[in-house]
Amino acid sequence: MNELLTVLKKNIREYGMYIALAAIMAVFTILSHGVFISSRNIANLLNQTGYIAVLAVGMTLVIVIRHIDLSVGFLSGFLGAVAAIALTQWHLPVLLSILLVLVLGACAGLLTALPVAGLGIPSFVASLAGWLIYRGALMLVTASTGTIIIPQDSFNALGNGYIPDLFASQTFLPGIHKTTLLLGAIAIVMFILGQLGDRKRKMQYKFEVLSGGLFAAKLVFISVILGIISWILAGYNGMSWTVVIMLAVVLVYDFISRRTVLGRHIYAVGGNPEAAELSGINVKNITFAVFASMGFLSALSGILFTARLKSATPQAGTLFELDAIAAAYIGGVSAAGGIGSISGSLIGALVYMSLMNGMNLLGTDISLQYIIRGFVLLLAVVFDVVTRKRRS
């Protein structure tokens, strides 16, 4: 027990968000008399989290390199409207429309980075200009029609559809989505293998690792959580395409940030830009790459949100940037730069959206919801400052 408490104190920044997520889910499950943890609500919660989690992944890297991007909310809404126009007015195929919007998103990210990396203009100012521009652009493209309804089922499935059950059977586990259970089992195996590999590498370089007992307990605990989530989702239509896309983004970006030279350079720039420049890292190119990535993910978020609504609206993207920033900070990214993880941004998005989902279930007044969300964000930033001071 003493060892467990010691580990928690040393790694409170890493484990704090998991404890917060568990506490929030437990409280809302009790207050809603079990409705919060029902298969239908968990599936709805994950679908709601999808487009914010995708934004939070990109925002995490932007904050890691000591910048901010306020334009991503209305950029998402604008590019979602472009996708709707491409499908309904230009009559482009679904795949071509999606590719077009993703490319436009990356280009928009590069445009945001241009004054930041090229002229040294603060990213707050540059992205605020983008916020205004994309807000106006969204209103402009929807001015003549208002809400743009999207009739293409294949596109709308990205936000509302579920993966097919390849092992459907009325005799074995009827009513349970077997493919989702299989994917959950695969995720558990991959998690265990990944943790074992990480532990082996740390031991080779003589880094500090958990004792055998605590390490085994960690594997069992998280494997059980993954199994429970898989079972809950399997009880209601299975895993949605939104969740598949969200997890794919997290896995790809987690690999890039932890296993590639680009990822190491991003964190080096965030840790100390001057030292990174002196060591041969092109800070401008890293800035361009991170903002282009943010634009790309903004486009993907806009596609998911538009597909979920089956339409593009003049209000799409409102406050998305603040939700993404809040999720990133709750997930452990540091306001000072250089610290933050992709998996943390996913957990942060889940914490933030669980809070919103639970308050909606309880019928909490919208004004109180904003106040509570503000306090949660403030606590996350205070937590970051306090833990950094303790480490130093």
Protein backbone atom coordinates (compact mmCIF):
# COMPACT_ATOMS: atom_id res chain seq x y z
CA MET A 1 0.00 0.00 0.00
CA ASN A 2 2.83 2.38 0.89
CA GLU A 3 4.49 1.65 -2.45
CA LEU A 4 1.24 2.41 -4.27
CA LEU A 5 0.88 5.76 -2.49
CA THR A 6 4.50 6.62 -3.28
CA VAL A 7 4.00 5.84 -6.97
CA LEU A 8 0.82 7.93 -7.06
CA LYS A 9 2.60 10.89 -5.50
CA LYS A 10 5.48 10.66 -7.98
CA ASN A 11 3.17 10.26 -10.97
CA ILE A 12 0.15 12.28 -9.84
CA ARG A 13 0.27 14.29 -13.08
CA GLU A 14 -0.09 11.11 -15.15
CA TYR A 15 -2.61 9.26 -12.98
CA GLY A 16 -4.63 12.25 -11.75
CA MET A 17 -6.79 12.46 -14.88
CA TYR A 18 -7.62 8.75 -14.73
CA ILE A 19 -8.71 9.17 -11.11
CA ALA A 20 -10.79 12.22 -12.10
CA LEU A 21 -12.47 10.30 -14.94
CA ALA A 22 -13.30 7.37 -12.66
CA ALA A 23 -14.69 9.73 -10.00
CA ILE A 24 -16.84 11.67 -12.48
CA MET A 25 -18.27 8.49 -13.99
CA ALA A 26 -18.99 7.02 -10.55
CA VAL A 27 -20.73 10.18 -9.30
CA PHE A 28 -22.93 10.59 -12.39
CA THR A 29 -23.76 6.89 -12.44
CA ILE A 30 -25.07 7.16 -8.88
CA LEU A 31 -26.89 10.46 -9.42
CA SER A 32 -28.53 9.26 -12.66
CA HIS A 33 -29.48 5.91 -11.12
CA GLY A 34 -27.35 4.01 -13.61
CA VAL A 35 -28.46 5.83 -16.78
CA PHE A 36 -25.01 7.37 -17.26
CA ILE A 37 -23.30 3.98 -17.53
CA SER A 38 -25.95 2.47 -19.83
CA SER A 39 -24.83 1.15 -23.21
CA ARG A 40 -26.83 3.75 -25.09
CA ASN A 41 -25.42 6.70 -23.13
CA ILE A 42 -21.82 5.49 -23.23
CA ALA A 43 -22.09 5.07 -27.00
CA ASN A 44 -23.55 8.58 -27.24
CA LEU A 45 -20.81 9.96 -24.97
CA LEU A 46 -18.02 8.49 -27.10
CA ASN A 47 -19.61 9.84 -30.29
CA GLN A 48 -19.86 13.29 -28.68
CA THR A 49 -16.23 13.04 -27.59
CA GLY A 50 -14.97 12.10 -31.07
CA TYR A 51 -14.73 15.48 -32.77
CA ILE A 52 -13.46 17.23 -29.62
CA ALA A 53 -10.85 14.52 -28.96
CA VAL A 54 -9.56 14.87 -32.53
CA LEU A 55 -9.15 18.63 -32.01
CA ALA A 56 -7.58 18.07 -28.57
CA VAL A 57 -4.89 15.82 -30.10
CA GLY A 58 -3.79 18.58 -32.45
CA MET A 59 -4.13 21.27 -29.78
CA THR A 60 -1.91 19.28 -27.43
CA LEU A 61 1.00 19.45 -29.88
CA VAL A 62 0.36 23.16 -30.52
CA ILE A 63 0.53 23.89 -26.78
CA VAL A 64 3.57 21.63 -26.39
CA ILE A 65 5.52 23.96 -28.74
CA ARG A 66 4.33 26.95 -26.67
CA HIS A 67 1.65 28.24 -29.02
CA ILE A 68 -2.14 28.33 -29.17
CA ASP A 69 -4.65 28.13 -32.04
CA LEU A 70 -7.99 29.86 -31.49
CA SER A 71 -9.11 29.47 -35.11
CA VAL A 72 -9.78 25.72 -35.01
CA GLY A 73 -13.42 25.93 -33.92
CA PHE A 74 -14.80 27.96 -36.78
CA LEU A 75 -12.25 26.41 -39.16
CA SER A 76 -13.91 23.07 -38.34
CA GLY A 77 -17.36 24.56 -38.90
CA PHE A 78 -16.33 26.24 -42.15
CA LEU A 79 -14.68 23.14 -43.59
CA GLY A 80 -17.67 21.04 -42.54
CA ALA A 81 -19.81 23.45 -44.58
CA VAL A 82 -17.38 23.13 -47.52
CA ALA A 83 -17.82 19.35 -47.33
CA ALA A 84 -21.60 19.79 -47.36
CA ILE A 85 -21.42 22.13 -50.37
CA ALA A 86 -19.06 19.77 -52.22
CA LEU A 87 -21.53 16.92 -51.71
CA THR A 88 -24.82 18.72 -52.37
CA GLN A 89 -23.96 21.52 -54.81
CA TRP A 90 -20.78 20.41 -56.56
CA HIS A 91 -21.95 16.78 -56.54
CA LEU A 92 -18.48 15.43 -55.80
CA PRO A 93 -18.09 11.82 -54.60
CA VAL A 94 -17.93 11.36 -50.83
CA LEU A 95 -14.28 10.25 -50.79
CA LEU A 96 -13.14 13.11 -53.01
CA SER A 97 -15.06 15.63 -50.88
CA ILE A 98 -13.40 14.33 -47.71
CA LEU A 99 -9.91 14.42 -49.25
CA LEU A 100 -10.52 17.95 -50.55
CA VAL A 101 -11.56 19.20 -47.12
CA LEU A 102 -8.61 17.52 -45.38
CA VAL A 103 -6.16 19.14 -47.81
CA LEU A 104 -7.82 22.52 -47.31
CA GLY A 105 -7.51 22.05 -43.56
CA ALA A 106 -3.77 21.40 -43.78
CA CYS A 107 -3.35 24.46 -46.01
CA ALA A 108 -5.33 26.58 -43.53
CA GLY A 109 -2.99 25.42 -40.77
CA LEU A 110 0.02 26.46 -42.84
CA LEU A 111 -1.53 29.90 -43.37
CA THR A 112 -1.97 30.31 -39.61
CA ALA A 113 1.65 29.30 -39.06
CA LEU A 114 3.00 31.69 -41.72
CA PRO A 115 2.87 34.91 -39.63
CA VAL A 116 3.82 32.97 -36.50
CA ALA A 117 6.90 31.19 -37.84
CA GLY A 118 7.84 33.69 -40.55
CA LEU A 119 7.20 37.04 -38.86
CA GLY A 120 7.25 36.16 -35.17
CA ILE A 121 3.66 37.31 -34.62
CA PRO A 122 2.17 35.77 -31.44
CA SER A 123 0.03 32.76 -32.29
CA PHE A 124 -2.77 34.16 -30.12
CA VAL A 125 -3.11 37.16 -32.45
CA ALA A 126 -2.63 35.21 -35.69
CA SER A 127 -5.16 32.54 -34.74
CA LEU A 128 -7.62 35.15 -33.42
CA ALA A 129 -7.53 36.68 -36.89
CA GLY A 130 -8.26 33.22 -38.27
CA TRP A 131 -11.14 32.87 -35.80
CA LEU A 132 -12.74 36.01 -37.24
CA ILE A 133 -12.00 35.08 -40.86
CA TYR A 134 -13.42 31.56 -40.63
CA ARG A 135 -16.43 32.77 -38.65
CA GLY A 136 -17.20 35.19 -41.46
CA ALA A 137 -16.47 32.58 -44.14
CA LEU A 138 -18.87 30.12 -42.48
CA MET A 139 -21.63 32.73 -42.38
CA LEU A 140 -20.90 33.66 -46.00
CA VAL A 141 -21.12 30.13 -47.45
CA THR A 142 -24.33 29.37 -45.54
CA ALA A 143 -25.96 32.79 -46.06
CA SER A 144 -28.06 31.81 -49.08
CA THR A 145 -29.28 28.44 -47.86
CA GLY A 146 -28.91 28.51 -44.08
CA THR A 147 -28.62 24.94 -42.86
CA ILE A 148 -27.30 22.63 -45.60
CA ILE A 149 -28.88 19.18 -45.36
CA ILE A 150 -26.65 16.29 -46.44
CA PRO A 151 -28.58 13.34 -47.94
CA GLN A 152 -25.57 11.05 -48.55
CA ASP A 153 -25.87 8.13 -46.10
CA SER A 154 -22.27 7.02 -46.66
CA PHE A 155 -21.00 10.40 -45.47
CA ASN A 156 -23.43 10.66 -42.56
CA ALA A 157 -22.36 7.19 -41.40
CA LEU A 158 -19.05 8.71 -40.28
CA GLY A 159 -20.94 10.49 -37.51
CA ASN A 160 -23.87 8.16 -36.91
CA GLY A 161 -22.98 4.73 -38.30
CA TYR A 162 -21.58 1.65 -36.56
CA ILE A 163 -19.13 -0.95 -37.76
CA PRO A 164 -20.85 -4.11 -39.08
CA ASP A 165 -20.93 -7.23 -36.93
CA LEU A 166 -18.97 -9.83 -38.90
CA PHE A 167 -19.98 -12.58 -36.47
CA ALA A 168 -23.68 -11.88 -36.05
CA SER A 169 -25.51 -14.82 -34.53
CA GLN A 170 -28.92 -15.30 -32.92
CA THR A 171 -27.80 -18.32 -30.94
CA PHE A 172 -24.47 -17.23 -29.45
CA LEU A 173 -24.71 -14.06 -27.33
CA PRO A 174 -27.83 -12.70 -29.06
CA GLY A 175 -28.06 -8.93 -29.06
CA ILE A 176 -24.31 -8.56 -28.47
CA HIS A 177 -22.01 -7.06 -31.12
CA LYS A 178 -19.36 -9.76 -31.35
CA THR A 179 -16.99 -7.78 -33.60
CA THR A 180 -16.76 -5.07 -30.95
CA LEU A 181 -15.88 -7.70 -28.34
CA LEU A 182 -13.16 -9.05 -30.64
CA LEU A 183 -11.71 -5.58 -31.19
CA GLY A 184 -11.79 -5.01 -27.45
CA ALA A 185 -9.86 -8.24 -26.90
CA ILE A 186 -7.31 -7.22 -29.54
CA ALA A 187 -6.93 -3.81 -27.85
CA ILE A 188 -6.27 -5.51 -24.50
CA VAL A 189 -3.61 -7.78 -26.02
CA MET A 190 -1.95 -4.84 -27.81
CA PHE A 191 -1.99 -2.80 -24.60
CA ILE A 192 -0.36 -5.60 -22.59
CA LEU A 193 2.30 -6.24 -25.24
CA GLY A 194 3.04 -2.53 -25.52
CA GLN A 195 3.39 -2.13 -21.76
CA LEU A 196 5.67 -5.16 -21.55
CA GLY A 197 7.83 -3.76 -24.37
CA ASP A 198 8.05 -0.34 -22.69
CA ARG A 199 8.98 -1.93 -19.37
CA LYS A 200 11.69 -4.03 -21.01
CA ARG A 201 13.23 -1.00 -22.74
CA LYS A 202 13.20 1.03 -19.52
CA MET A 203 14.91 -1.78 -17.63
CA GLN A 204 17.57 -2.08 -20.35
CA TYR A 205 18.45 1.59 -19.88
CA LYS A 206 18.13 1.24 -16.09
CA PHE A 207 15.18 3.62 -15.80
CA GLU A 208 12.89 3.41 -12.80
CA VAL A 209 9.95 1.03 -13.30
CA LEU A 210 7.04 -0.19 -11.20
CA SER A 211 7.56 -3.27 -9.06
CA GLY A 212 6.34 -6.55 -10.55
CA GLY A 213 3.24 -6.58 -8.36
CA LEU A 214 2.14 -3.02 -9.13
CA PHE A 215 2.91 -3.47 -12.81
CA ALA A 216 0.73 -6.60 -12.94
CA ALA A 217 -2.03 -4.79 -11.03
CA LYS A 218 -1.88 -1.94 -13.55
CA LEU A 219 -2.19 -4.35 -16.47
CA VAL A 220 -5.14 -6.15 -14.88
CA PHE A 221 -6.94 -2.93 -13.91
CA ILE A 222 -6.72 -1.27 -17.33
CA SER A 223 -7.49 -4.54 -19.13
CA VAL A 224 -10.64 -4.91 -17.04
CA ILE A 225 -11.66 -1.31 -17.85
CA LEU A 226 -11.13 -1.93 -21.58
CA GLY A 227 -13.13 -5.15 -21.33
CA ILE A 228 -16.01 -3.42 -19.54
CA ILE A 229 -16.13 -0.61 -22.10
CA SER A 230 -16.10 -3.14 -24.95
CA TRP A 231 -18.94 -5.10 -23.34
CA ILE A 232 -21.00 -1.93 -22.78
CA LEU A 233 -20.55 -0.84 -26.40
CA ALA A 234 -21.28 -4.34 -27.66
CA GLY A 235 -24.65 -4.14 -25.93
CA TYR A 236 -25.73 -1.20 -28.11
CA ASN A 237 -24.94 -1.42 -31.84
CA GLY A 238 -21.23 -1.91 -31.17
CA MET A 239 -18.40 0.50 -31.95
CA SER A 240 -19.21 3.53 -34.09
CA TRP A 241 -17.14 4.78 -37.00
CA THR A 242 -16.55 7.99 -35.04
CA VAL A 243 -14.87 6.00 -32.27
CA VAL A 244 -12.81 4.04 -34.81
CA ILE A 245 -11.57 7.28 -36.41
CA MET A 246 -10.88 8.87 -33.02
CA LEU A 247 -8.84 5.88 -31.83
CA ALA A 248 -6.97 5.72 -35.15
CA VAL A 249 -5.98 9.39 -34.80
CA VAL A 250 -4.83 8.83 -31.21
CA LEU A 251 -2.78 5.75 -32.13
CA VAL A 252 -1.10 7.39 -35.14
CA TYR A 253 -0.28 10.62 -33.32
CA ASP A 254 0.86 8.76 -30.21
CA PHE A 255 3.27 6.77 -32.37
CA ILE A 256 4.53 9.92 -34.10
CA SER A 257 5.02 11.80 -30.84
CA ARG A 258 6.79 8.99 -28.97
CA ARG A 259 8.57 6.93 -31.64
CA THR A 260 9.71 9.28 -34.40
CA VAL A 261 12.35 11.95 -34.87
CA LEU A 262 9.62 14.49 -35.63
CA GLY A 263 7.99 13.76 -32.28
CA ARG A 264 11.26 14.18 -30.40
CA HIS A 265 11.90 17.45 -32.19
CA ILE A 266 8.43 18.75 -31.28
CA TYR A 267 9.05 18.15 -27.59
CA ALA A 268 12.58 19.55 -27.84
CA VAL A 269 11.20 22.77 -29.33
CA GLY A 270 8.58 22.94 -26.60
CA GLY A 271 11.16 22.34 -23.88
CA ASN A 272 13.55 25.05 -25.03
CA PRO A 273 13.20 26.61 -28.51
CA GLU A 274 16.58 28.38 -28.36
CA ALA A 275 18.44 25.22 -27.34
CA ALA A 276 16.57 23.23 -29.99
CA GLU A 277 17.63 25.76 -32.67
CA LEU A 278 21.26 25.60 -31.53
CA SER A 279 21.17 21.79 -31.67
CA GLY A 280 20.23 21.89 -35.35
CA ILE A 281 16.44 21.60 -35.18
CA ASN A 282 14.59 23.87 -37.61
CA VAL A 283 12.06 25.46 -35.25
CA LYS A 284 10.19 27.18 -38.09
CA ASN A 285 9.63 23.90 -39.92
CA ILE A 286 8.40 22.26 -36.72
CA THR A 287 5.97 25.14 -36.21
CA PHE A 288 4.67 24.77 -39.77
CA ALA A 289 4.30 21.00 -39.33
CA VAL A 290 2.38 21.27 -36.05
CA PHE A 291 0.00 23.96 -37.32
CA ALA A 292 -0.58 22.07 -40.57
CA SER A 293 -1.42 19.02 -38.48
CA MET A 294 -3.81 21.16 -36.42
CA GLY A 295 -5.55 22.35 -39.58
CA PHE A 296 -5.80 18.79 -40.88
CA LEU A 297 -7.39 17.61 -37.63
CA SER A 298 -9.72 20.62 -37.62
CA ALA A 299 -10.97 19.49 -41.02
CA LEU A 300 -11.45 15.94 -39.75
CA SER A 301 -13.31 17.25 -36.70
CA GLY A 302 -15.54 19.34 -38.96
CA ILE A 303 -16.31 16.29 -41.09
CA LEU A 304 -17.25 14.21 -38.03
CA PHE A 305 -19.44 16.95 -36.58
CA THR A 306 -21.17 17.68 -39.88
CA ALA A 307 -21.78 13.97 -40.47
CA ARG A 308 -23.16 13.63 -36.94
CA LEU A 309 -25.68 16.44 -37.54
CA LYS A 310 -26.26 15.30 -41.15
CA SER A 311 -26.04 18.97 -42.03
CA ALA A 312 -23.87 22.09 -41.93
CA THR A 313 -25.12 25.05 -39.89
CA PRO A 314 -24.00 28.69 -39.50
CA GLN A 315 -23.30 28.01 -35.77
CA ALA A 316 -21.11 24.94 -36.33
CA GLY A 317 -17.79 25.08 -34.50
CA THR A 318 -18.88 27.54 -31.82
CA LEU A 319 -16.62 27.15 -28.75
CA PHE A 320 -14.92 24.04 -30.18
CA GLU A 321 -11.53 25.71 -29.72
CA LEU A 322 -12.19 26.29 -26.02
CA ASP A 323 -13.40 22.72 -25.54
CA ALA A 324 -10.25 21.42 -27.24
CA ILE A 325 -7.97 23.65 -25.15
CA ALA A 326 -9.76 22.59 -21.96
CA ALA A 327 -9.47 18.90 -22.90
CA ALA A 328 -5.75 19.30 -23.63
CA TYR A 329 -5.05 21.00 -20.28
CA ILE A 330 -7.16 18.50 -18.35
CA GLY A 331 -5.22 15.77 -20.16
CA GLY A 332 -1.95 17.00 -18.70
CA VAL A 333 -0.41 19.32 -21.28
CA SER A 334 1.69 22.04 -19.65
CA ALA A 335 1.04 25.73 -20.22
CA ALA A 336 4.83 26.19 -20.14
CA GLY A 337 5.28 23.85 -23.13
CA GLY A 338 7.32 20.72 -23.61
CA ILE A 339 5.01 18.45 -21.60
CA GLY A 340 1.88 16.60 -22.74
CA SER A 341 0.81 13.31 -24.25
CA ILE A 342 -1.58 12.25 -26.97
CA SER A 343 -3.20 9.59 -24.80
CA GLY A 344 -3.61 12.24 -22.13
CA SER A 345 -5.52 14.46 -24.55
CA LEU A 346 -7.97 11.60 -25.18
CA ILE A 347 -8.52 11.09 -21.45
CA GLY A 348 -8.86 14.84 -21.00
CA ALA A 349 -11.54 14.94 -23.70
CA LEU A 350 -13.35 12.04 -22.03
CA VAL A 351 -13.22 13.80 -18.64
CA TYR A 352 -14.52 17.05 -20.13
CA MET A 353 -17.28 15.47 -22.22
CA SER A 354 -18.29 13.10 -19.38
CA LEU A 355 -18.81 16.16 -17.22
CA MET A 356 -20.99 17.80 -19.88
CA ASN A 357 -22.89 14.58 -20.62
CA GLY A 358 -23.57 13.91 -16.94
CA MET A 359 -24.80 17.45 -16.29
CA ASN A 360 -27.10 17.23 -19.30
CA LEU A 361 -28.53 13.95 -17.98
CA LEU A 362 -29.24 15.58 -14.63
CA GLY A 363 -30.87 18.60 -16.29
CA THR A 364 -28.30 21.07 -14.92
CA ASP A 365 -28.97 24.65 -15.96
CA ILE A 366 -26.74 25.71 -18.88
CA SER A 367 -25.43 28.74 -16.96
CA LEU A 368 -24.22 26.47 -14.14
CA GLN A 369 -22.67 24.14 -16.70
CA TYR A 370 -20.48 26.94 -18.04
CA ILE A 371 -19.45 27.94 -14.51
CA ILE A 372 -18.53 24.36 -13.59
CA ARG A 373 -16.60 23.84 -16.83
CA GLY A 374 -14.69 27.05 -16.12
CA PHE A 375 -13.74 25.90 -12.64
CA VAL A 376 -12.62 22.51 -13.98
CA LEU A 377 -10.34 24.21 -16.52
CA LEU A 378 -8.96 26.53 -13.82
CA LEU A 379 -8.25 23.57 -11.55
CA ALA A 380 -6.41 21.79 -14.38
CA VAL A 381 -4.12 24.80 -14.94
CA VAL A 382 -3.53 25.25 -11.20
CA PHE A 383 -2.72 21.54 -10.96
CA ASP A 384 -0.18 21.93 -13.77
CA VAL A 385 1.55 24.87 -12.06
CA VAL A 386 1.65 23.18 -8.64
CA THR A 387 3.04 19.87 -9.95
CA ARG A 388 5.73 21.67 -11.98
CA LYS A 389 6.84 23.64 -8.92
CA ARG A 390 7.05 20.46 -6.87
CA ARG A 391 9.20 18.77 -9.53
CA SER A 392 11.55 21.73 -9.75
